[in-house]
Amino acid sequence: MNEVQLGLDTFGDVTIGDDGERVSDAQTIRDIVDQAVLADEVGLSFFGVGEHHRHEFAVSSPEIVLAAAAARTEQIHLGTAVTVLSSDDLVRVYERFETLDALLRCAPRSSSGAARSPSCSPCSATT
């Protein structure tokens, strides 16, 4: 019988804190790393961080967040939930993941995507 593996992923949704104020992007990113540590401690198999380029999401560079998580976790597999290839250089994406691979205990898992909505694309003009 195959073992069931559970994991989590996030885009770094920025939330409202206990004081009713918007949590800063910096705090949201620190919280994501803490969440990865907790996921590792409770035995989850995977923690993914997705890239997004909108004001309600804090993570625009998941590789950096994953590197911080790698420094504080021991067993969990880390990877991206989405890497937006349409707004990046493919060689640089490859190089960043090779660098991340050097920090991890196993190769990072990744998912790729293309911005399909004008509101999601960093290159879109807004009117």
N, C-alpha and C. Protein backbone atom coordinates (compact mmCIF):
# COMPACT_ATOMS: atom_id res chain seq x y z
N MET A 1 0.83 -1.18 0.00
CA MET A 1 0.00 0.00 0.00
C MET A 1 0.88 1.25 0.00
N ASN A 2 0.50 2.25 -0.78
CA ASN A 2 1.26 3.49 -0.86
C ASN A 2 0.99 4.37 0.35
N GLU A 3 2.02 5.03 0.80
CA GLU A 3 1.91 5.95 1.92
C GLU A 3 1.32 7.28 1.45
N VAL A 4 0.39 7.82 2.20
CA VAL A 4 -0.19 9.12 1.88
C VAL A 4 0.76 10.21 2.36
N GLN A 5 1.04 11.15 1.48
CA GLN A 5 1.89 12.28 1.84
C GLN A 5 1.06 13.55 1.76
N LEU A 6 1.20 14.39 2.77
CA LEU A 6 0.47 15.65 2.83
C LEU A 6 1.43 16.82 2.81
N GLY A 7 0.99 17.90 2.20
CA GLY A 7 1.81 19.10 2.16
C GLY A 7 0.96 20.35 2.09
N LEU A 8 1.62 21.47 2.11
CA LEU A 8 0.97 22.78 2.06
C LEU A 8 1.65 23.63 1.00
N ASP A 9 0.90 24.61 0.49
CA ASP A 9 1.53 25.63 -0.34
C ASP A 9 0.90 26.97 -0.06
N THR A 10 1.62 28.03 -0.41
CA THR A 10 1.16 29.38 -0.14
C THR A 10 1.71 30.34 -1.18
N PHE A 11 0.98 31.41 -1.40
CA PHE A 11 1.46 32.54 -2.19
C PHE A 11 1.88 33.68 -1.27
N GLY A 12 1.77 33.47 0.01
CA GLY A 12 2.10 34.52 0.96
C GLY A 12 1.01 35.56 1.06
N ASP A 13 -0.22 35.09 1.18
CA ASP A 13 -1.36 36.00 1.31
C ASP A 13 -1.13 36.96 2.47
N VAL A 14 -1.22 38.25 2.21
CA VAL A 14 -1.08 39.25 3.25
C VAL A 14 -2.42 39.34 3.98
N THR A 15 -2.37 39.31 5.30
CA THR A 15 -3.60 39.27 6.09
C THR A 15 -3.70 40.49 7.01
N ILE A 16 -4.75 40.52 7.76
CA ILE A 16 -4.97 41.56 8.77
C ILE A 16 -4.57 40.98 10.12
N GLY A 17 -3.76 41.72 10.85
CA GLY A 17 -3.28 41.26 12.15
C GLY A 17 -4.31 41.44 13.25
N ASP A 18 -3.96 41.00 14.44
CA ASP A 18 -4.85 41.10 15.61
C ASP A 18 -5.21 42.55 15.93
N ASP A 19 -4.34 43.48 15.54
CA ASP A 19 -4.59 44.90 15.81
C ASP A 19 -5.47 45.56 14.75
N GLY A 20 -5.92 44.77 13.75
CA GLY A 20 -6.77 45.30 12.70
C GLY A 20 -6.02 45.94 11.55
N GLU A 21 -4.69 45.98 11.63
CA GLU A 21 -3.86 46.57 10.59
C GLU A 21 -3.34 45.48 9.64
N ARG A 22 -3.04 45.88 8.41
CA ARG A 22 -2.47 44.97 7.42
C ARG A 22 -1.08 44.53 7.89
N VAL A 23 -0.85 43.24 7.86
CA VAL A 23 0.46 42.70 8.22
C VAL A 23 1.43 43.07 7.09
N SER A 24 2.62 43.51 7.44
CA SER A 24 3.59 43.92 6.42
C SER A 24 4.04 42.73 5.58
N ASP A 25 4.50 43.01 4.37
CA ASP A 25 5.03 41.95 3.52
C ASP A 25 6.20 41.25 4.20
N ALA A 26 7.06 42.03 4.85
CA ALA A 26 8.23 41.45 5.53
C ALA A 26 7.80 40.47 6.62
N GLN A 27 6.81 40.86 7.42
CA GLN A 27 6.33 39.96 8.48
C GLN A 27 5.66 38.74 7.88
N THR A 28 4.91 38.94 6.80
CA THR A 28 4.26 37.80 6.14
C THR A 28 5.31 36.79 5.67
N ILE A 29 6.40 37.27 5.11
CA ILE A 29 7.46 36.37 4.64
C ILE A 29 8.10 35.64 5.82
N ARG A 30 8.36 36.35 6.92
CA ARG A 30 8.91 35.68 8.11
C ARG A 30 7.93 34.63 8.64
N ASP A 31 6.64 34.95 8.60
CA ASP A 31 5.62 33.99 9.03
C ASP A 31 5.60 32.75 8.15
N ILE A 32 5.82 32.92 6.85
CA ILE A 32 5.86 31.77 5.93
C ILE A 32 7.00 30.84 6.31
N VAL A 33 8.16 31.40 6.61
CA VAL A 33 9.29 30.56 7.01
C VAL A 33 8.95 29.82 8.31
N ASP A 34 8.33 30.52 9.26
CA ASP A 34 7.90 29.86 10.50
C ASP A 34 6.89 28.74 10.22
N GLN A 35 6.00 28.96 9.26
CA GLN A 35 5.02 27.93 8.89
C GLN A 35 5.71 26.71 8.28
N ALA A 36 6.75 26.94 7.49
CA ALA A 36 7.50 25.81 6.92
C ALA A 36 8.18 25.01 8.03
N VAL A 37 8.71 25.70 9.01
CA VAL A 37 9.35 25.03 10.15
C VAL A 37 8.31 24.19 10.90
N LEU A 38 7.14 24.76 11.16
CA LEU A 38 6.08 24.02 11.84
C LEU A 38 5.63 22.82 11.02
N ALA A 39 5.48 23.00 9.70
CA ALA A 39 5.10 21.88 8.83
C ALA A 39 6.12 20.76 8.92
N ASP A 40 7.39 21.11 8.98
CA ASP A 40 8.46 20.13 9.12
C ASP A 40 8.35 19.41 10.47
N GLU A 41 8.12 20.17 11.52
CA GLU A 41 8.04 19.60 12.87
C GLU A 41 6.88 18.63 13.03
N VAL A 42 5.76 18.90 12.35
CA VAL A 42 4.60 18.01 12.51
C VAL A 42 4.61 16.87 11.49
N GLY A 43 5.62 16.82 10.63
CA GLY A 43 5.79 15.67 9.76
C GLY A 43 5.15 15.77 8.37
N LEU A 44 4.78 16.97 7.93
CA LEU A 44 4.27 17.08 6.57
C LEU A 44 5.38 16.77 5.57
N SER A 45 4.99 16.36 4.37
CA SER A 45 5.96 15.93 3.37
C SER A 45 6.48 17.05 2.49
N PHE A 46 5.66 18.08 2.27
CA PHE A 46 6.02 19.11 1.29
C PHE A 46 5.53 20.47 1.75
N PHE A 47 6.32 21.49 1.46
CA PHE A 47 5.92 22.88 1.68
C PHE A 47 6.32 23.66 0.44
N GLY A 48 5.33 24.24 -0.23
CA GLY A 48 5.58 24.99 -1.46
C GLY A 48 5.27 26.46 -1.29
N VAL A 49 6.07 27.29 -1.94
CA VAL A 49 5.87 28.74 -1.91
C VAL A 49 5.73 29.21 -3.35
N GLY A 50 4.62 29.89 -3.63
CA GLY A 50 4.35 30.34 -4.98
C GLY A 50 4.70 31.80 -5.20
N GLU A 51 5.01 32.11 -6.43
CA GLU A 51 5.33 33.47 -6.85
C GLU A 51 4.06 34.18 -7.29
N HIS A 52 3.93 35.43 -6.85
CA HIS A 52 2.81 36.24 -7.31
C HIS A 52 3.24 37.70 -7.31
N HIS A 53 2.63 38.48 -8.15
CA HIS A 53 3.02 39.89 -8.30
C HIS A 53 1.81 40.80 -8.15
N ARG A 54 1.17 40.69 -7.02
CA ARG A 54 0.02 41.54 -6.71
C ARG A 54 0.17 42.03 -5.27
N HIS A 55 -0.48 43.13 -4.94
CA HIS A 55 -0.30 43.73 -3.63
C HIS A 55 -0.80 42.86 -2.48
N GLU A 56 -1.71 41.94 -2.73
CA GLU A 56 -2.23 41.12 -1.64
C GLU A 56 -1.41 39.86 -1.37
N PHE A 57 -0.31 39.70 -2.09
CA PHE A 57 0.59 38.56 -1.90
C PHE A 57 2.00 39.08 -1.67
N ALA A 58 2.68 38.53 -0.68
CA ALA A 58 3.99 39.05 -0.28
C ALA A 58 5.16 38.43 -1.04
N VAL A 59 4.97 37.27 -1.66
CA VAL A 59 6.10 36.54 -2.22
C VAL A 59 6.22 36.79 -3.72
N SER A 60 7.28 37.49 -4.10
CA SER A 60 7.58 37.64 -5.52
C SER A 60 8.83 36.85 -5.89
N SER A 61 9.53 36.34 -4.90
CA SER A 61 10.74 35.55 -5.13
C SER A 61 10.74 34.32 -4.21
N PRO A 62 10.02 33.27 -4.61
CA PRO A 62 9.92 32.11 -3.73
C PRO A 62 11.26 31.43 -3.44
N GLU A 63 12.21 31.53 -4.34
CA GLU A 63 13.51 30.88 -4.10
C GLU A 63 14.18 31.42 -2.85
N ILE A 64 14.05 32.71 -2.61
CA ILE A 64 14.67 33.32 -1.43
C ILE A 64 13.98 32.83 -0.16
N VAL A 65 12.66 32.79 -0.19
CA VAL A 65 11.89 32.32 0.97
C VAL A 65 12.21 30.84 1.23
N LEU A 66 12.30 30.05 0.18
CA LEU A 66 12.62 28.63 0.33
C LEU A 66 14.03 28.44 0.88
N ALA A 67 14.97 29.29 0.50
CA ALA A 67 16.33 29.20 1.03
C ALA A 67 16.32 29.45 2.54
N ALA A 68 15.54 30.44 2.99
CA ALA A 68 15.43 30.70 4.43
C ALA A 68 14.79 29.51 5.14
N ALA A 69 13.77 28.93 4.53
CA ALA A 69 13.12 27.75 5.12
C ALA A 69 14.08 26.56 5.16
N ALA A 70 14.88 26.41 4.13
CA ALA A 70 15.84 25.30 4.08
C ALA A 70 16.84 25.37 5.22
N ALA A 71 17.20 26.60 5.61
CA ALA A 71 18.16 26.77 6.69
C ALA A 71 17.57 26.37 8.05
N ARG A 72 16.24 26.30 8.15
CA ARG A 72 15.60 26.03 9.45
C ARG A 72 14.82 24.73 9.50
N THR A 73 14.76 23.98 8.41
CA THR A 73 14.02 22.72 8.40
C THR A 73 14.97 21.55 8.22
N GLU A 74 14.45 20.33 8.49
CA GLU A 74 15.33 19.17 8.43
C GLU A 74 14.86 18.06 7.50
N GLN A 75 13.56 17.80 7.43
CA GLN A 75 13.07 16.64 6.69
C GLN A 75 12.16 16.98 5.51
N ILE A 76 11.44 18.06 5.61
CA ILE A 76 10.39 18.38 4.65
C ILE A 76 10.97 18.69 3.26
N HIS A 77 10.26 18.28 2.23
CA HIS A 77 10.62 18.65 0.86
C HIS A 77 10.09 20.04 0.59
N LEU A 78 10.92 20.88 0.02
CA LEU A 78 10.55 22.26 -0.27
C LEU A 78 10.51 22.47 -1.78
N GLY A 79 9.65 23.36 -2.22
CA GLY A 79 9.59 23.66 -3.65
C GLY A 79 8.66 24.83 -3.91
N THR A 80 8.50 25.14 -5.19
CA THR A 80 7.62 26.25 -5.53
C THR A 80 6.22 25.73 -5.79
N ALA A 81 5.26 26.59 -5.52
CA ALA A 81 3.88 26.30 -5.89
C ALA A 81 3.65 26.80 -7.31
N VAL A 82 4.29 27.92 -7.67
CA VAL A 82 4.25 28.46 -9.04
C VAL A 82 5.48 29.31 -9.26
N THR A 83 6.09 29.17 -10.42
CA THR A 83 7.13 30.08 -10.90
C THR A 83 6.61 30.66 -12.20
N VAL A 84 6.49 31.97 -12.26
CA VAL A 84 5.91 32.63 -13.44
C VAL A 84 7.00 32.83 -14.49
N LEU A 85 7.01 31.95 -15.47
CA LEU A 85 8.06 31.98 -16.48
C LEU A 85 7.87 33.10 -17.51
N SER A 86 6.65 33.55 -17.68
CA SER A 86 6.39 34.56 -18.71
C SER A 86 6.99 35.92 -18.36
N SER A 87 7.36 36.13 -17.11
CA SER A 87 7.93 37.42 -16.72
C SER A 87 9.35 37.28 -16.21
N ASP A 88 10.03 36.21 -16.59
CA ASP A 88 11.37 35.97 -16.07
C ASP A 88 12.26 35.42 -17.18
N ASP A 89 13.53 35.42 -16.93
CA ASP A 89 14.52 34.86 -17.85
C ASP A 89 14.73 33.39 -17.48
N LEU A 90 14.53 32.50 -18.43
CA LEU A 90 14.59 31.06 -18.14
C LEU A 90 15.95 30.62 -17.62
N VAL A 91 17.02 31.19 -18.13
CA VAL A 91 18.35 30.82 -17.66
C VAL A 91 18.52 31.23 -16.20
N ARG A 92 18.05 32.41 -15.86
CA ARG A 92 18.17 32.87 -14.47
C ARG A 92 17.31 32.04 -13.54
N VAL A 93 16.13 31.63 -13.98
CA VAL A 93 15.28 30.74 -13.17
C VAL A 93 16.04 29.44 -12.90
N TYR A 94 16.61 28.87 -13.95
CA TYR A 94 17.38 27.64 -13.81
C TYR A 94 18.54 27.84 -12.82
N GLU A 95 19.26 28.94 -12.94
CA GLU A 95 20.40 29.19 -12.07
C GLU A 95 19.97 29.37 -10.61
N ARG A 96 18.87 30.07 -10.39
CA ARG A 96 18.38 30.24 -9.02
C ARG A 96 17.99 28.90 -8.40
N PHE A 97 17.36 28.04 -9.20
CA PHE A 97 16.98 26.73 -8.67
C PHE A 97 18.18 25.82 -8.47
N GLU A 98 19.19 25.96 -9.27
CA GLU A 98 20.42 25.20 -9.04
C GLU A 98 21.08 25.64 -7.74
N THR A 99 21.05 26.92 -7.46
CA THR A 99 21.59 27.43 -6.20
C THR A 99 20.76 26.92 -5.03
N LEU A 100 19.45 26.97 -5.16
CA LEU A 100 18.57 26.44 -4.12
C LEU A 100 18.81 24.95 -3.91
N ASP A 101 19.00 24.22 -4.99
CA ASP A 101 19.28 22.79 -4.91
C ASP A 101 20.52 22.51 -4.06
N ALA A 102 21.51 23.38 -4.14
CA ALA A 102 22.73 23.20 -3.35
C ALA A 102 22.46 23.32 -1.85
N LEU A 103 21.40 24.05 -1.49
CA LEU A 103 21.06 24.23 -0.07
C LEU A 103 20.15 23.16 0.48
N LEU A 104 19.41 22.49 -0.38
CA LEU A 104 18.39 21.54 0.06
C LEU A 104 18.95 20.13 0.18
N ARG A 105 18.22 19.31 0.93
CA ARG A 105 18.59 17.91 1.08
C ARG A 105 18.17 17.09 -0.13
N CYS A 106 17.27 17.61 -0.93
CA CYS A 106 16.83 16.95 -2.14
C CYS A 106 16.48 18.04 -3.15
N ALA A 107 16.38 17.68 -4.39
CA ALA A 107 16.09 18.67 -5.42
C ALA A 107 14.75 19.35 -5.16
N PRO A 108 14.69 20.66 -5.33
CA PRO A 108 13.41 21.35 -5.12
C PRO A 108 12.40 20.95 -6.18
N ARG A 109 11.17 20.83 -5.77
CA ARG A 109 10.09 20.57 -6.71
C ARG A 109 9.58 21.92 -7.18
N SER A 110 9.19 21.99 -8.44
CA SER A 110 8.70 23.28 -8.91
C SER A 110 7.52 23.10 -9.83
N SER A 111 6.71 24.14 -9.87
CA SER A 111 5.59 24.25 -10.80
C SER A 111 5.77 25.57 -11.52
N SER A 112 5.44 25.58 -12.79
CA SER A 112 5.61 26.78 -13.58
C SER A 112 4.27 27.24 -14.11
N GLY A 113 4.18 28.52 -14.40
CA GLY A 113 2.94 29.05 -14.94
C GLY A 113 3.20 30.31 -15.71
N ALA A 114 2.18 30.74 -16.39
CA ALA A 114 2.23 32.00 -17.13
C ALA A 114 1.07 32.86 -16.67
N ALA A 115 1.34 34.13 -16.49
CA ALA A 115 0.27 35.04 -16.07
C ALA A 115 -0.76 35.12 -17.18
N ARG A 116 -2.00 34.80 -16.88
CA ARG A 116 -3.06 34.79 -17.88
C ARG A 116 -4.02 35.96 -17.71
N SER A 117 -4.03 36.53 -16.54
CA SER A 117 -4.96 37.61 -16.27
C SER A 117 -4.20 38.94 -16.30
N PRO A 118 -4.74 39.96 -16.94
CA PRO A 118 -4.05 41.25 -16.95
C PRO A 118 -3.76 41.76 -15.55
N SER A 119 -4.59 41.43 -14.59
CA SER A 119 -4.36 41.89 -13.22
C SER A 119 -3.22 41.15 -12.54
N CYS A 120 -2.80 40.01 -13.10
CA CYS A 120 -1.72 39.22 -12.51
C CYS A 120 -0.37 39.52 -13.11
N SER A 121 -0.35 40.02 -14.31
CA SER A 121 0.90 40.21 -15.03
C SER A 121 1.63 41.46 -14.57
N PRO A 122 2.91 41.34 -14.20
CA PRO A 122 3.66 42.52 -13.77
C PRO A 122 3.89 43.50 -14.93
N CYS A 123 3.71 43.04 -16.14
CA CYS A 123 3.96 43.88 -17.30
C CYS A 123 2.68 44.56 -17.81
N SER A 124 1.56 44.29 -17.18
CA SER A 124 0.29 44.82 -17.66
C SER A 124 0.15 46.29 -17.32
N ALA A 125 -0.44 47.01 -18.23
CA ALA A 125 -0.77 48.40 -17.98
C ALA A 125 -2.13 48.45 -17.28
N THR A 126 -2.26 49.31 -16.31
CA THR A 126 -3.55 49.46 -15.65
C THR A 126 -4.12 50.82 -16.02
N THR A 127 -5.42 50.88 -16.14
CA THR A 127 -6.05 52.15 -16.48
C THR A 127 -7.02 52.58 -15.41
